[in-house]
Each structure stands twice: as structure tokens, then as C-alpha cells.
Amino acid sequence: MKQNTVAKREREKIGVSGMSAKKVLYIILGCMGVGLGAVGAVLPLLPSVPFLLLAAFCFARSSERLHSWFTSTKLYKENLESYVQGKGMTRNTKIKIMVTVTILMSIGFAMMHQVLVGRIVLGCVWVLHILYFCLGVKTIPVKEAS
């Protein structure tokens, strides 16, 4: 009898739908990723791909229905599908990501003028980021990305 009471309390903590807090967190992060990715697809300064990757990751772990919906959207197909399938990215997408990260990391680098270790770490991360996109991600023609 005691076990049933404990199980009932646990179900009440989780919520009416039976969704765990972890799944709710993934859904919230996925929605934020989609929103920021959509904004990034329009604004040149904000990269869309990292946010869309976040959304794909979160939706895959939270809800099969949300994941299916997301992978069928135009936003996913135009910005992420070829990368996820292992085909690569277009040259323009790679350049946009590298320029944006370089600008943002430069701001952080400048703000850490008194923190040598922070500057070294940021510099190393930046170099690895550039190497990854130049050497690790295949460049595909625009027509192949569609």
C-alpha cells in the first residue's frame, strides 16, 4: 500500500500528462532553439545552425511528434538537413557561422584584457572552431544542399 502512495505522489509531481521535468526542459530549450534559429536565418549576425542543432537535439530527446514536426519544417530542411545527413554545408553557411563566431569571440577576447587564461582558452576554441569548419565539415554546392 505504501508503494502505491509513493508512486502516486511521484506521478503528481511529474504532472497530469506524465511528462518528466527533463522532457519539459528539453521541449522549452528546443522551442528556444527554433525561435533563435528562425531569427538567425533572417539576421546576418546571429547564426541559425547552432540553435537549430540545439532544437533537433532537444526535440529528439523529448518528443517524437515534435522531432518529426521539426525535421519536416522548411527551416530545418534549408539550414540543417544536409549537415545532419553528413553531406556537409554550403560555403556561404560555413562562412556565415565562422564570421559570426569570430565577431562574438572577439568581443569576449577584448573584454578579458586582464584575464590571460581566458584569452588563451578563447583563442584555442576559436582556432579549433575555424579548423573544424574548414577541414572537418565538407563543403557542398548550393544545389546539392536543397
N, C-alpha and C. Protein backbone atom coordinates (compact mmCIF):
# COMPACT_ATOMS: atom_id res chain seq x y z
N MET A 1 0.82 -1.20 0.00
CA MET A 1 0.00 0.00 0.00
C MET A 1 0.86 1.26 0.00
N LYS A 2 1.95 1.21 0.76
CA LYS A 2 2.83 2.36 0.86
C LYS A 2 3.48 2.67 -0.49
N GLN A 3 3.84 1.62 -1.26
CA GLN A 3 4.48 1.82 -2.55
C GLN A 3 3.52 2.52 -3.52
N ASN A 4 2.24 2.16 -3.49
CA ASN A 4 1.26 2.80 -4.36
C ASN A 4 1.13 4.28 -4.05
N THR A 5 1.17 4.64 -2.77
CA THR A 5 1.07 6.03 -2.36
C THR A 5 2.29 6.82 -2.86
N VAL A 6 3.47 6.23 -2.73
CA VAL A 6 4.69 6.88 -3.18
C VAL A 6 4.66 7.06 -4.70
N ALA A 7 4.23 6.03 -5.40
CA ALA A 7 4.14 6.11 -6.86
C ALA A 7 3.13 7.17 -7.28
N LYS A 8 2.02 7.26 -6.55
CA LYS A 8 1.01 8.26 -6.87
C LYS A 8 1.56 9.67 -6.67
N ARG A 9 2.29 9.88 -5.58
CA ARG A 9 2.91 11.19 -5.33
C ARG A 9 3.91 11.55 -6.42
N GLU A 10 4.68 10.57 -6.85
CA GLU A 10 5.65 10.81 -7.93
C GLU A 10 4.95 11.20 -9.22
N ARG A 11 3.85 10.53 -9.55
CA ARG A 11 3.08 10.88 -10.76
C ARG A 11 2.51 12.28 -10.64
N GLU A 12 2.09 12.67 -9.43
CA GLU A 12 1.55 14.01 -9.24
C GLU A 12 2.65 15.07 -9.41
N LYS A 13 3.87 14.75 -8.97
CA LYS A 13 4.99 15.67 -9.14
C LYS A 13 5.30 15.87 -10.62
N ILE A 14 5.23 14.78 -11.38
CA ILE A 14 5.55 14.84 -12.80
C ILE A 14 4.50 15.67 -13.53
N GLY A 15 3.27 15.54 -13.18
CA GLY A 15 2.22 16.31 -13.84
C GLY A 15 1.16 15.41 -14.42
N VAL A 16 0.10 16.01 -14.87
CA VAL A 16 -1.05 15.29 -15.38
C VAL A 16 -0.70 14.47 -16.62
N SER A 17 0.11 15.03 -17.50
CA SER A 17 0.40 14.35 -18.76
C SER A 17 1.42 13.23 -18.60
N GLY A 18 2.05 13.11 -17.45
CA GLY A 18 3.04 12.08 -17.24
C GLY A 18 4.39 12.45 -17.83
N MET A 19 4.59 13.72 -18.14
CA MET A 19 5.84 14.17 -18.74
C MET A 19 6.83 14.55 -17.63
N SER A 20 8.05 14.07 -17.74
CA SER A 20 9.05 14.37 -16.73
C SER A 20 9.56 15.79 -16.88
N ALA A 21 10.15 16.28 -15.83
CA ALA A 21 10.72 17.64 -15.84
C ALA A 21 11.83 17.74 -16.88
N LYS A 22 12.57 16.66 -17.07
CA LYS A 22 13.65 16.64 -18.05
C LYS A 22 13.08 16.84 -19.47
N LYS A 23 12.00 16.15 -19.77
CA LYS A 23 11.38 16.29 -21.09
C LYS A 23 10.83 17.70 -21.29
N VAL A 24 10.25 18.27 -20.26
CA VAL A 24 9.73 19.63 -20.35
C VAL A 24 10.87 20.61 -20.61
N LEU A 25 11.99 20.41 -19.92
CA LEU A 25 13.16 21.26 -20.14
C LEU A 25 13.67 21.13 -21.57
N TYR A 26 13.72 19.90 -22.09
CA TYR A 26 14.14 19.70 -23.48
C TYR A 26 13.19 20.40 -24.46
N ILE A 27 11.90 20.33 -24.19
CA ILE A 27 10.93 20.98 -25.07
C ILE A 27 11.11 22.50 -25.03
N ILE A 28 11.30 23.05 -23.85
CA ILE A 28 11.50 24.50 -23.73
C ILE A 28 12.77 24.93 -24.46
N LEU A 29 13.87 24.20 -24.24
CA LEU A 29 15.13 24.52 -24.93
C LEU A 29 15.00 24.35 -26.43
N GLY A 30 14.27 23.32 -26.86
CA GLY A 30 14.05 23.11 -28.29
C GLY A 30 13.26 24.24 -28.92
N CYS A 31 12.24 24.70 -28.23
CA CYS A 31 11.45 25.84 -28.74
C CYS A 31 12.29 27.10 -28.79
N MET A 32 13.13 27.31 -27.80
CA MET A 32 14.01 28.48 -27.83
C MET A 32 15.00 28.36 -28.99
N GLY A 33 15.49 27.16 -29.23
CA GLY A 33 16.41 26.93 -30.34
C GLY A 33 15.76 27.22 -31.68
N VAL A 34 14.50 26.78 -31.85
CA VAL A 34 13.78 27.05 -33.09
C VAL A 34 13.57 28.56 -33.25
N GLY A 35 13.18 29.23 -32.18
CA GLY A 35 12.95 30.68 -32.25
C GLY A 35 14.21 31.44 -32.61
N LEU A 36 15.31 31.14 -31.92
CA LEU A 36 16.57 31.82 -32.21
C LEU A 36 17.11 31.43 -33.58
N GLY A 37 16.90 30.17 -33.97
CA GLY A 37 17.33 29.73 -35.30
C GLY A 37 16.56 30.44 -36.40
N ALA A 38 15.26 30.67 -36.18
CA ALA A 38 14.45 31.39 -37.16
C ALA A 38 14.92 32.84 -37.28
N VAL A 39 15.22 33.45 -36.15
CA VAL A 39 15.74 34.82 -36.16
C VAL A 39 17.10 34.85 -36.85
N GLY A 40 17.93 33.85 -36.56
CA GLY A 40 19.25 33.77 -37.17
C GLY A 40 19.21 33.53 -38.67
N ALA A 41 18.15 32.89 -39.15
CA ALA A 41 18.02 32.67 -40.59
C ALA A 41 17.77 33.98 -41.31
N VAL A 42 17.25 34.98 -40.60
CA VAL A 42 16.92 36.27 -41.20
C VAL A 42 18.02 37.30 -40.94
N LEU A 43 18.51 37.35 -39.71
CA LEU A 43 19.54 38.33 -39.35
C LEU A 43 20.94 37.80 -39.68
N PRO A 44 21.76 38.61 -40.31
CA PRO A 44 23.08 38.13 -40.69
C PRO A 44 24.04 37.93 -39.51
N LEU A 45 23.84 38.60 -38.39
CA LEU A 45 24.77 38.50 -37.28
C LEU A 45 24.55 37.25 -36.43
N LEU A 46 23.34 36.78 -36.35
CA LEU A 46 23.01 35.64 -35.49
C LEU A 46 23.03 34.35 -36.31
N PRO A 47 23.86 33.38 -35.93
CA PRO A 47 23.90 32.13 -36.69
C PRO A 47 22.67 31.27 -36.39
N SER A 48 22.14 30.64 -37.39
CA SER A 48 20.95 29.81 -37.18
C SER A 48 21.32 28.36 -36.89
N VAL A 49 22.39 27.86 -37.47
CA VAL A 49 22.71 26.44 -37.39
C VAL A 49 22.91 25.94 -35.95
N PRO A 50 23.68 26.61 -35.09
CA PRO A 50 23.83 26.07 -33.73
C PRO A 50 22.51 25.99 -32.97
N PHE A 51 21.64 26.97 -33.18
CA PHE A 51 20.35 26.95 -32.49
C PHE A 51 19.44 25.86 -33.04
N LEU A 52 19.51 25.65 -34.34
CA LEU A 52 18.70 24.59 -34.94
C LEU A 52 19.22 23.21 -34.53
N LEU A 53 20.53 23.09 -34.38
CA LEU A 53 21.10 21.84 -33.86
C LEU A 53 20.62 21.58 -32.43
N LEU A 54 20.59 22.64 -31.64
CA LEU A 54 20.07 22.53 -30.27
C LEU A 54 18.62 22.06 -30.30
N ALA A 55 17.82 22.64 -31.17
CA ALA A 55 16.40 22.26 -31.27
C ALA A 55 16.27 20.80 -31.69
N ALA A 56 17.04 20.38 -32.68
CA ALA A 56 16.97 18.99 -33.14
C ALA A 56 17.36 18.03 -32.01
N PHE A 57 18.42 18.35 -31.30
CA PHE A 57 18.87 17.53 -30.18
C PHE A 57 17.79 17.42 -29.11
N CYS A 58 17.24 18.57 -28.72
CA CYS A 58 16.25 18.60 -27.64
C CYS A 58 14.95 17.90 -28.04
N PHE A 59 14.47 18.15 -29.24
CA PHE A 59 13.23 17.52 -29.68
C PHE A 59 13.40 16.01 -29.83
N ALA A 60 14.56 15.57 -30.25
CA ALA A 60 14.80 14.13 -30.39
C ALA A 60 14.75 13.43 -29.04
N ARG A 61 15.09 14.15 -27.98
CA ARG A 61 15.08 13.56 -26.65
C ARG A 61 13.80 13.80 -25.86
N SER A 62 12.93 14.63 -26.39
CA SER A 62 11.73 14.95 -25.62
C SER A 62 10.46 14.39 -26.21
N SER A 63 10.30 14.50 -27.53
CA SER A 63 9.02 14.13 -28.12
C SER A 63 9.20 13.73 -29.57
N GLU A 64 8.76 12.52 -29.88
CA GLU A 64 8.84 12.04 -31.27
C GLU A 64 8.00 12.91 -32.18
N ARG A 65 6.86 13.35 -31.71
CA ARG A 65 5.98 14.20 -32.52
C ARG A 65 6.62 15.55 -32.82
N LEU A 66 7.23 16.19 -31.82
CA LEU A 66 7.91 17.47 -32.04
C LEU A 66 9.12 17.28 -32.96
N HIS A 67 9.85 16.20 -32.78
CA HIS A 67 11.01 15.94 -33.62
C HIS A 67 10.58 15.75 -35.08
N SER A 68 9.53 14.98 -35.30
CA SER A 68 9.02 14.78 -36.66
C SER A 68 8.56 16.09 -37.27
N TRP A 69 7.86 16.90 -36.47
CA TRP A 69 7.42 18.20 -36.98
C TRP A 69 8.62 19.06 -37.36
N PHE A 70 9.60 19.13 -36.47
CA PHE A 70 10.76 19.99 -36.70
C PHE A 70 11.54 19.57 -37.94
N THR A 71 11.76 18.27 -38.10
CA THR A 71 12.54 17.81 -39.25
C THR A 71 11.78 17.96 -40.57
N SER A 72 10.50 18.24 -40.50
CA SER A 72 9.74 18.46 -41.73
C SER A 72 9.59 19.95 -42.07
N THR A 73 10.09 20.84 -41.21
CA THR A 73 9.95 22.28 -41.48
C THR A 73 10.94 22.74 -42.54
N LYS A 74 10.57 23.82 -43.22
CA LYS A 74 11.43 24.42 -44.23
C LYS A 74 12.72 24.94 -43.59
N LEU A 75 12.62 25.47 -42.39
CA LEU A 75 13.78 25.99 -41.67
C LEU A 75 14.84 24.91 -41.48
N TYR A 76 14.41 23.72 -41.06
CA TYR A 76 15.32 22.59 -40.87
C TYR A 76 15.90 22.14 -42.20
N LYS A 77 15.04 21.97 -43.19
CA LYS A 77 15.49 21.45 -44.48
C LYS A 77 16.48 22.37 -45.17
N GLU A 78 16.28 23.67 -45.06
CA GLU A 78 17.16 24.61 -45.74
C GLU A 78 18.47 24.84 -45.01
N ASN A 79 18.48 24.73 -43.69
CA ASN A 79 19.66 25.10 -42.91
C ASN A 79 20.43 23.94 -42.31
N LEU A 80 19.79 22.81 -42.09
CA LEU A 80 20.43 21.79 -41.27
C LEU A 80 20.41 20.39 -41.86
N GLU A 81 19.47 20.09 -42.70
CA GLU A 81 19.28 18.72 -43.16
C GLU A 81 20.53 18.12 -43.79
N SER A 82 21.18 18.86 -44.69
CA SER A 82 22.37 18.31 -45.36
C SER A 82 23.51 18.06 -44.36
N TYR A 83 23.63 18.91 -43.35
CA TYR A 83 24.68 18.72 -42.35
C TYR A 83 24.38 17.49 -41.49
N VAL A 84 23.15 17.34 -41.06
CA VAL A 84 22.77 16.21 -40.21
C VAL A 84 22.92 14.89 -40.98
N GLN A 85 22.63 14.92 -42.27
CA GLN A 85 22.77 13.71 -43.09
C GLN A 85 24.22 13.39 -43.43
N GLY A 86 25.15 14.25 -43.01
CA GLY A 86 26.56 14.01 -43.24
C GLY A 86 27.06 14.49 -44.59
N LYS A 87 26.23 15.21 -45.32
CA LYS A 87 26.64 15.70 -46.63
C LYS A 87 27.57 16.90 -46.51
N GLY A 88 27.32 17.77 -45.54
CA GLY A 88 28.13 18.96 -45.35
C GLY A 88 27.30 20.22 -45.33
N MET A 89 27.96 21.36 -45.56
CA MET A 89 27.31 22.67 -45.57
C MET A 89 27.75 23.44 -46.80
N THR A 90 26.93 24.39 -47.19
CA THR A 90 27.33 25.26 -48.30
C THR A 90 28.43 26.20 -47.83
N ARG A 91 29.16 26.71 -48.78
CA ARG A 91 30.26 27.63 -48.46
C ARG A 91 29.75 28.87 -47.72
N ASN A 92 28.63 29.41 -48.18
CA ASN A 92 28.07 30.61 -47.54
C ASN A 92 27.65 30.34 -46.10
N THR A 93 27.08 29.18 -45.84
CA THR A 93 26.67 28.83 -44.47
C THR A 93 27.90 28.72 -43.57
N LYS A 94 28.93 28.07 -44.05
CA LYS A 94 30.15 27.93 -43.26
C LYS A 94 30.78 29.29 -42.97
N ILE A 95 30.83 30.14 -43.98
CA ILE A 95 31.43 31.48 -43.79
C ILE A 95 30.60 32.29 -42.80
N LYS A 96 29.28 32.23 -42.93
CA LYS A 96 28.40 32.97 -42.01
C LYS A 96 28.64 32.54 -40.56
N ILE A 97 28.75 31.25 -40.34
CA ILE A 97 28.98 30.74 -38.98
C ILE A 97 30.35 31.18 -38.47
N MET A 98 31.37 31.03 -39.30
CA MET A 98 32.73 31.39 -38.86
C MET A 98 32.87 32.89 -38.58
N VAL A 99 32.27 33.73 -39.42
CA VAL A 99 32.35 35.18 -39.20
C VAL A 99 31.61 35.56 -37.92
N THR A 100 30.42 35.02 -37.73
CA THR A 100 29.64 35.35 -36.54
C THR A 100 30.38 34.93 -35.27
N VAL A 101 30.89 33.72 -35.25
CA VAL A 101 31.61 33.25 -34.06
C VAL A 101 32.87 34.08 -33.84
N THR A 102 33.55 34.45 -34.91
CA THR A 102 34.76 35.27 -34.78
C THR A 102 34.43 36.63 -34.17
N ILE A 103 33.35 37.24 -34.63
CA ILE A 103 32.95 38.55 -34.08
C ILE A 103 32.59 38.42 -32.60
N LEU A 104 31.78 37.44 -32.27
CA LEU A 104 31.35 37.27 -30.88
C LEU A 104 32.52 36.91 -29.97
N MET A 105 33.40 36.04 -30.44
CA MET A 105 34.55 35.67 -29.61
C MET A 105 35.53 36.84 -29.48
N SER A 106 35.61 37.68 -30.50
CA SER A 106 36.48 38.86 -30.42
C SER A 106 36.00 39.83 -29.34
N ILE A 107 34.70 39.94 -29.22
CA ILE A 107 34.14 40.80 -28.16
C ILE A 107 34.54 40.24 -26.79
N GLY A 108 34.37 38.94 -26.61
CA GLY A 108 34.78 38.31 -25.35
C GLY A 108 36.27 38.43 -25.10
N PHE A 109 37.05 38.27 -26.17
CA PHE A 109 38.50 38.39 -26.07
C PHE A 109 38.90 39.79 -25.62
N ALA A 110 38.26 40.80 -26.19
CA ALA A 110 38.57 42.19 -25.83
C ALA A 110 38.16 42.49 -24.39
N MET A 111 37.06 41.92 -23.96
CA MET A 111 36.57 42.18 -22.60
C MET A 111 37.43 41.49 -21.55
N MET A 112 38.20 40.49 -21.94
CA MET A 112 39.06 39.76 -21.00
C MET A 112 40.49 40.27 -21.05
N HIS A 113 40.67 41.55 -21.25
CA HIS A 113 42.02 42.08 -21.40
C HIS A 113 42.91 41.84 -20.19
N GLN A 114 42.34 41.59 -19.03
CA GLN A 114 43.15 41.33 -17.84
C GLN A 114 43.16 39.86 -17.44
N VAL A 115 42.50 39.02 -18.21
CA VAL A 115 42.41 37.59 -17.87
C VAL A 115 43.14 36.80 -18.96
N LEU A 116 44.42 36.60 -18.77
CA LEU A 116 45.25 35.94 -19.77
C LEU A 116 44.76 34.52 -20.07
N VAL A 117 44.43 33.77 -19.03
CA VAL A 117 43.97 32.39 -19.22
C VAL A 117 42.69 32.36 -20.06
N GLY A 118 41.78 33.28 -19.79
CA GLY A 118 40.54 33.37 -20.57
C GLY A 118 40.81 33.67 -22.03
N ARG A 119 41.74 34.55 -22.28
CA ARG A 119 42.09 34.89 -23.67
C ARG A 119 42.72 33.69 -24.37
N ILE A 120 43.55 32.95 -23.67
CA ILE A 120 44.18 31.76 -24.25
C ILE A 120 43.12 30.71 -24.58
N VAL A 121 42.21 30.47 -23.65
CA VAL A 121 41.14 29.50 -23.88
C VAL A 121 40.28 29.93 -25.08
N LEU A 122 39.86 31.18 -25.10
CA LEU A 122 39.05 31.68 -26.22
C LEU A 122 39.81 31.56 -27.55
N GLY A 123 41.08 31.87 -27.54
CA GLY A 123 41.89 31.75 -28.75
C GLY A 123 41.96 30.31 -29.24
N CYS A 124 42.16 29.39 -28.32
CA CYS A 124 42.21 27.97 -28.68
C CYS A 124 40.86 27.48 -29.22
N VAL A 125 39.79 27.86 -28.56
CA VAL A 125 38.45 27.47 -29.02
C VAL A 125 38.19 28.05 -30.41
N TRP A 126 38.58 29.28 -30.62
CA TRP A 126 38.37 29.91 -31.93
C TRP A 126 39.14 29.18 -33.02
N VAL A 127 40.41 28.87 -32.75
CA VAL A 127 41.23 28.16 -33.74
C VAL A 127 40.61 26.79 -34.05
N LEU A 128 40.21 26.05 -33.03
CA LEU A 128 39.59 24.74 -33.25
C LEU A 128 38.28 24.87 -34.02
N HIS A 129 37.52 25.91 -33.73
CA HIS A 129 36.27 26.16 -34.45
C HIS A 129 36.54 26.38 -35.94
N ILE A 130 37.50 27.22 -36.25
CA ILE A 130 37.84 27.50 -37.64
C ILE A 130 38.36 26.24 -38.33
N LEU A 131 39.24 25.50 -37.65
CA LEU A 131 39.76 24.26 -38.23
C LEU A 131 38.64 23.26 -38.50
N TYR A 132 37.71 23.15 -37.56
CA TYR A 132 36.61 22.20 -37.74
C TYR A 132 35.79 22.56 -38.98
N PHE A 133 35.43 23.81 -39.12
CA PHE A 133 34.59 24.19 -40.26
C PHE A 133 35.36 24.18 -41.58
N CYS A 134 36.65 24.46 -41.54
CA CYS A 134 37.44 24.43 -42.78
C CYS A 134 37.81 23.01 -43.20
N LEU A 135 38.19 22.18 -42.24
CA LEU A 135 38.69 20.85 -42.56
C LEU A 135 37.73 19.71 -42.22
N GLY A 136 36.87 19.91 -41.23
CA GLY A 136 36.02 18.82 -40.77
C GLY A 136 34.64 18.77 -41.39
N VAL A 137 34.15 19.88 -41.89
CA VAL A 137 32.81 19.92 -42.48
C VAL A 137 32.96 20.04 -43.98
N LYS A 138 32.43 19.08 -44.69
CA LYS A 138 32.52 19.08 -46.15
C LYS A 138 31.74 20.26 -46.75
N THR A 139 32.32 20.89 -47.76
CA THR A 139 31.65 21.99 -48.45
C THR A 139 30.91 21.42 -49.65
N ILE A 140 29.61 21.71 -49.72
CA ILE A 140 28.79 21.20 -50.81
C ILE A 140 28.25 22.35 -51.65
N PRO A 141 27.94 22.10 -52.92
CA PRO A 141 27.33 23.15 -53.74
C PRO A 141 25.93 23.50 -53.24
N VAL A 142 25.48 24.70 -53.53
CA VAL A 142 24.16 25.17 -53.08
C VAL A 142 23.05 24.26 -53.58
N LYS A 143 23.13 23.84 -54.82
CA LYS A 143 22.06 23.00 -55.41
C LYS A 143 21.96 21.64 -54.72
N GLU A 144 23.08 21.12 -54.19
CA GLU A 144 23.09 19.82 -53.51
C GLU A 144 22.49 19.93 -52.11
N ALA A 145 22.52 21.11 -51.51
CA ALA A 145 22.01 21.30 -50.16
C ALA A 145 20.48 21.25 -50.12
N SER A 146 19.84 21.52 -51.22
CA SER A 146 18.37 21.56 -51.26
C SER A 146 17.74 20.20 -51.25
